Structure formats: C-alpha cells, structure tokens
Protein backbone atom coordinates (compact mmCIF):
# COMPACT_ATOMS: atom_id res chain seq x y z
CA MET A 1 25.99 120.09 136.94
CA ASP A 2 25.30 117.34 134.42
CA THR A 3 28.04 115.51 132.55
CA LEU A 4 27.78 117.37 129.28
CA SER A 5 27.92 120.75 131.15
CA ALA A 6 30.95 119.58 133.01
CA LEU A 7 32.68 118.57 129.82
CA ALA A 8 31.82 121.90 128.19
CA GLU A 9 33.12 123.74 131.15
CA ALA A 10 36.44 121.76 130.96
CA ARG A 11 36.69 122.48 127.20
CA LEU A 12 39.32 119.73 126.84
CA VAL A 13 38.92 115.94 127.17
CA PRO A 14 42.10 113.93 127.52
CA VAL A 15 41.79 110.74 125.43
CA VAL A 16 43.74 108.19 127.41
CA VAL A 17 45.15 104.74 126.47
CA LEU A 18 46.32 102.70 129.54
CA ASP A 19 48.34 99.56 129.11
CA ASP A 20 48.32 98.84 132.79
CA ALA A 21 45.44 99.81 135.11
CA ALA A 22 48.04 100.47 137.87
CA ASP A 23 49.21 103.48 135.83
CA ALA A 24 45.83 105.15 136.45
CA ARG A 25 46.79 106.44 139.84
CA ALA A 26 49.68 108.48 138.67
CA LEU A 27 47.67 109.69 135.72
CA GLY A 28 44.90 110.81 137.90
CA ASP A 29 47.29 112.77 140.08
CA ALA A 30 48.77 114.52 137.11
CA LEU A 31 45.37 115.51 135.49
CA VAL A 32 44.20 117.01 138.87
CA ALA A 33 47.43 118.82 139.48
CA GLY A 34 47.36 120.12 135.88
CA GLY A 35 43.88 121.51 136.33
CA LEU A 36 41.97 119.20 134.11
CA PRO A 37 40.17 116.50 136.16
CA VAL A 38 38.64 114.75 133.09
CA ALA A 39 39.57 111.51 131.34
CA GLU A 40 38.20 109.49 128.49
CA VAL A 41 39.72 106.02 129.03
CA THR A 42 39.58 104.12 125.76
CA PHE A 43 38.60 100.45 125.46
CA ARG A 44 41.64 99.85 123.18
CA THR A 45 43.28 97.80 125.92
CA ALA A 46 42.11 95.17 128.38
CA ALA A 47 43.11 97.49 131.27
CA ALA A 48 40.37 99.98 130.51
CA PRO A 49 37.62 98.76 132.98
CA ASP A 50 39.99 98.48 135.93
CA ALA A 51 41.62 101.80 135.04
CA ILE A 52 38.15 103.47 134.95
CA ARG A 53 37.36 102.09 138.28
CA LEU A 54 40.61 103.32 139.82
CA LEU A 55 40.00 106.84 138.42
CA ALA A 56 36.32 106.87 139.24
CA ASP A 57 36.88 105.76 142.82
CA ARG A 58 39.04 108.87 143.45
CA GLY A 59 35.87 111.00 143.29
CA ASP A 60 37.77 114.00 141.89
CA ILE A 61 37.80 113.11 138.18
CA LEU A 62 34.98 113.01 135.58
CA VAL A 63 35.71 109.58 133.92
CA GLY A 64 34.30 108.36 130.67
CA ALA A 65 34.87 105.33 128.53
CA GLY A 66 36.04 105.77 124.91
CA THR A 67 36.14 103.56 121.84
CA VAL A 68 33.11 101.70 123.04
CA LEU A 69 31.88 99.42 120.33
CA THR A 70 29.24 97.21 121.88
CA ALA A 71 26.42 97.20 124.46
CA ALA A 72 28.47 94.75 126.53
CA GLN A 73 31.23 97.29 126.76
CA VAL A 74 28.79 99.91 127.92
CA ASP A 75 27.79 97.57 130.73
CA GLN A 76 31.45 97.11 131.65
CA ALA A 77 32.11 100.87 131.56
CA VAL A 78 29.11 101.65 133.72
CA ALA A 79 29.93 98.86 136.22
CA ALA A 80 33.45 100.38 136.49
CA GLY A 81 32.05 103.88 137.16
CA ALA A 82 32.15 105.66 133.86
CA SER A 83 29.94 108.79 133.74
CA TYR A 84 29.74 108.88 129.99
CA VAL A 85 30.42 106.75 126.89
CA VAL A 86 32.13 107.70 123.72
CA SER A 87 32.06 105.60 120.54
CA PRO A 88 33.80 106.19 117.17
CA GLY A 89 30.60 105.73 115.21
CA THR A 90 26.84 105.88 115.83
CA SER A 91 25.58 102.54 117.07
CA ARG A 92 21.98 102.21 117.98
CA ALA A 93 22.72 99.34 120.45
CA VAL A 94 25.40 101.40 122.30
CA VAL A 95 23.32 104.54 122.48
CA GLU A 96 20.24 102.71 123.66
CA ARG A 97 22.18 100.85 126.27
CA CYS A 98 23.57 104.20 127.52
CA HIS A 99 20.01 105.44 127.73
CA GLU A 100 19.05 102.35 129.77
CA HIS A 101 21.88 103.15 132.24
CA GLY A 102 20.98 106.84 132.30
CA ILE A 103 24.43 108.06 131.21
CA LEU A 104 25.63 110.35 128.45
CA ALA A 105 26.41 108.85 125.04
CA LEU A 106 28.62 110.58 122.62
CA PRO A 107 28.65 108.66 119.37
CA GLY A 108 30.89 109.52 116.46
CA ALA A 109 29.23 111.31 113.51
CA VAL A 110 30.80 113.32 110.70
CA THR A 111 28.21 113.30 107.98
CA ALA A 112 24.63 114.79 107.89
CA THR A 113 23.16 111.36 107.71
CA GLU A 114 25.01 110.20 110.87
CA ILE A 115 24.03 113.32 112.70
CA GLN A 116 20.33 112.75 111.73
CA ALA A 117 20.69 109.17 112.95
CA ALA A 118 22.03 110.50 116.34
CA LEU A 119 19.15 113.02 116.55
CA GLU A 120 16.59 110.16 115.99
CA LEU A 121 18.09 108.44 118.95
CA GLY A 122 17.45 111.37 121.08
CA LEU A 123 20.87 112.94 121.17
CA THR A 124 21.91 116.54 120.61
CA THR A 125 25.72 116.13 121.05
CA VAL A 126 28.01 114.02 118.93
CA LYS A 127 31.69 113.29 118.71
CA PHE A 128 33.02 114.54 115.45
CA PHE A 129 35.60 111.81 114.59
CA PRO A 130 38.13 111.66 112.98
CA ALA A 131 38.07 115.45 112.90
CA GLY A 132 41.34 116.05 111.10
CA THR A 133 40.52 113.97 108.13
CA SER A 134 36.81 114.78 108.00
CA GLY A 135 37.07 118.43 107.13
CA GLY A 136 38.06 119.84 110.50
CA ALA A 137 36.54 123.00 111.82
CA PRO A 138 35.09 124.23 108.50
CA ALA A 139 33.13 121.02 108.17
CA ILE A 140 31.74 121.35 111.62
CA ALA A 141 30.85 125.03 110.93
CA ALA A 142 29.02 123.87 107.74
CA LEU A 143 27.11 121.07 109.44
CA ALA A 144 26.13 123.28 112.39
CA ALA A 145 24.11 125.56 109.95
CA PRO A 146 21.41 123.13 109.17
CA PHE A 147 21.59 121.25 112.53
CA VAL A 148 20.79 124.10 114.85
CA GLY A 149 21.34 123.20 118.42
CA VAL A 150 23.61 120.21 117.77
CA GLN A 151 26.86 120.29 119.72
CA PHE A 152 30.07 118.67 118.66
CA VAL A 153 33.14 117.22 120.38
CA PRO A 154 35.82 117.05 117.73
CA THR A 155 38.55 114.44 118.33
CA GLY A 156 41.24 113.00 116.08
CA GLY A 157 43.93 115.31 114.76
CA VAL A 158 43.16 118.04 117.27
CA GLY A 159 46.28 119.48 118.93
CA PRO A 160 47.89 122.80 120.17
CA THR A 161 48.27 124.18 116.65
CA ASN A 162 44.59 123.94 115.62
CA LEU A 163 42.83 123.90 119.00
CA HIS A 164 41.41 127.43 118.77
CA GLU A 165 39.91 126.72 115.24
CA TYR A 166 37.57 124.33 116.98
CA LEU A 167 37.01 126.14 120.28
CA ALA A 168 36.07 129.32 118.40
CA LEU A 169 32.96 127.59 117.00
CA PRO A 170 29.78 128.07 119.10
CA SER A 171 28.69 124.57 118.17
CA VAL A 172 31.78 122.96 119.73
CA ALA A 173 31.21 121.92 123.38
CA ALA A 174 34.74 120.62 123.95
CA VAL A 175 37.50 118.99 122.10
CA GLY A 176 39.18 115.58 122.71
CA GLY A 177 42.92 114.98 122.39
CA SER A 178 45.79 112.93 123.62
CA TRP A 179 48.73 115.29 123.34
CA MET A 180 48.67 116.09 127.09
CA VAL A 181 48.51 112.46 127.97
CA PRO A 182 51.18 110.59 125.83
CA ARG A 183 50.98 106.94 126.13
CA ASP A 184 54.69 106.56 126.89
CA ARG A 185 54.48 109.09 129.73
CA ILE A 186 51.52 107.32 131.28
CA ARG A 187 53.49 104.05 131.01
CA ALA A 188 56.44 105.71 132.76
CA ARG A 189 54.06 107.12 135.42
CA ASP A 190 55.63 110.59 134.69
CA VAL A 191 53.39 112.65 136.94
CA ALA A 192 55.50 115.78 136.55
CA GLY A 193 55.68 115.59 132.74
CA ILE A 194 51.97 114.97 132.30
CA THR A 195 51.11 117.63 134.78
CA GLU A 196 53.15 120.17 132.82
CA LEU A 197 51.61 119.11 129.47
CA THR A 198 48.15 119.26 130.97
CA ALA A 199 48.61 122.65 132.59
CA ALA A 200 49.92 124.02 129.29
CA ALA A 201 46.94 122.63 127.44
CA VAL A 202 44.51 124.24 129.94
CA ALA A 203 46.32 127.56 129.60
CA LEU A 204 46.27 127.32 125.82
CA ALA A 205 42.53 126.60 125.74
CA ALA A 206 41.79 129.46 128.09
CA ARG A 207 43.88 131.93 125.85
CA PRO A 208 41.91 134.04 123.39
CA ALA A 209 42.52 132.89 119.77
C-alpha cells in the first residue's frame, strides 16, 4: 500500500508537536494502542528529526514530517525516516525535493490558484490549511467541483465536533488534527491518556455521521 492510500485508510492524521525527542517512545506506544499508528511530527521544535527517527525505527507507525518549510528540512526529514512531508503552503522547492527523494508531498493549498500550482507540480492531493478559517468543509466541496480528482487533507480547526463534516466529502482523503495528541500529555508521557483520546477519535471517525 502506498503512503497516500495508508493515510486515506487511517482517515485521521495526528499532528504532533514534541518538545523532547525522548517523549516519542511513549507517544508511539499510545498511538499504536489506540489503533491509529500514524503521526505527523511537526518541525516546530528542534526535537523533530530525532523524534521522527525514533518513531520510524519502530516499524509499526507511518511517520511524516509536518510544517516543513525548506528543501533542507525535507532532507532532514527523509534522513530521519519520514515517509511523507507536509507543508503549510505550496513551495516548489519543497515539492521538488520530495519528488527527488521519492516521497509523498502534501503542500498546503486553500485557493484555486494554489491548487492549480500544486497540480502543475504533479500533485493530486493537497493539505487544506488552515481549514477552519478558510471556509471549512463547504469551501472544500466548492473547490472539488472544478478540480475533479483532487483530494484534500484538511487540517487546522478540525476536531470532534466537525470531523464528520469533512469526512463526509468524497474529496477528503483524511483529516489532520491534534486533539488526540495534546502537547501537555505528550510532555507528561501520558500513555494511558493519549491512548484513550486516540481510541475515541478512531471510534468517532468510524461512526456514521
């Protein structure tokens, strides 16, 4: 199964901020136990590359790098074992470096112009970010009409209360969110708490709207 298919099967992508790479072990245990062996580790802290390496080395979690802004960060992410790269906007340099490495790029795009730019770079799936302040599910539905075949991964402002609005759209491959991986719980290495939140998120996503 390719990376995009695996993300689409999971339906949920935990967006993770780790302040200490050593916290990755407990986080990985919790995600697996909660039935969601996926993580997008954001490059918002210096711990990201080491955390990605620790999670990727487990072999039982699909690990991506998020908030990737430069080609150099793509190199770092791939060297650490990331299987896909997510960026907040559409950067030609980032996407092309992902192509060079042969890994999935999910650039942010919320306008028709940005989606067309992504298509010109050979992509058919984009991150819709920030989803909550960019029109939400209705905006994705409107954009999906002219951009037939484009898939979206909305992130930013997605949570338990509006999850099904997004997942109900045929053009949505998966959604990204951080409610099941709170930063303070990761820092506390609260395996039981994160497992419970993750399992609840998985159950919610599986439930008919």
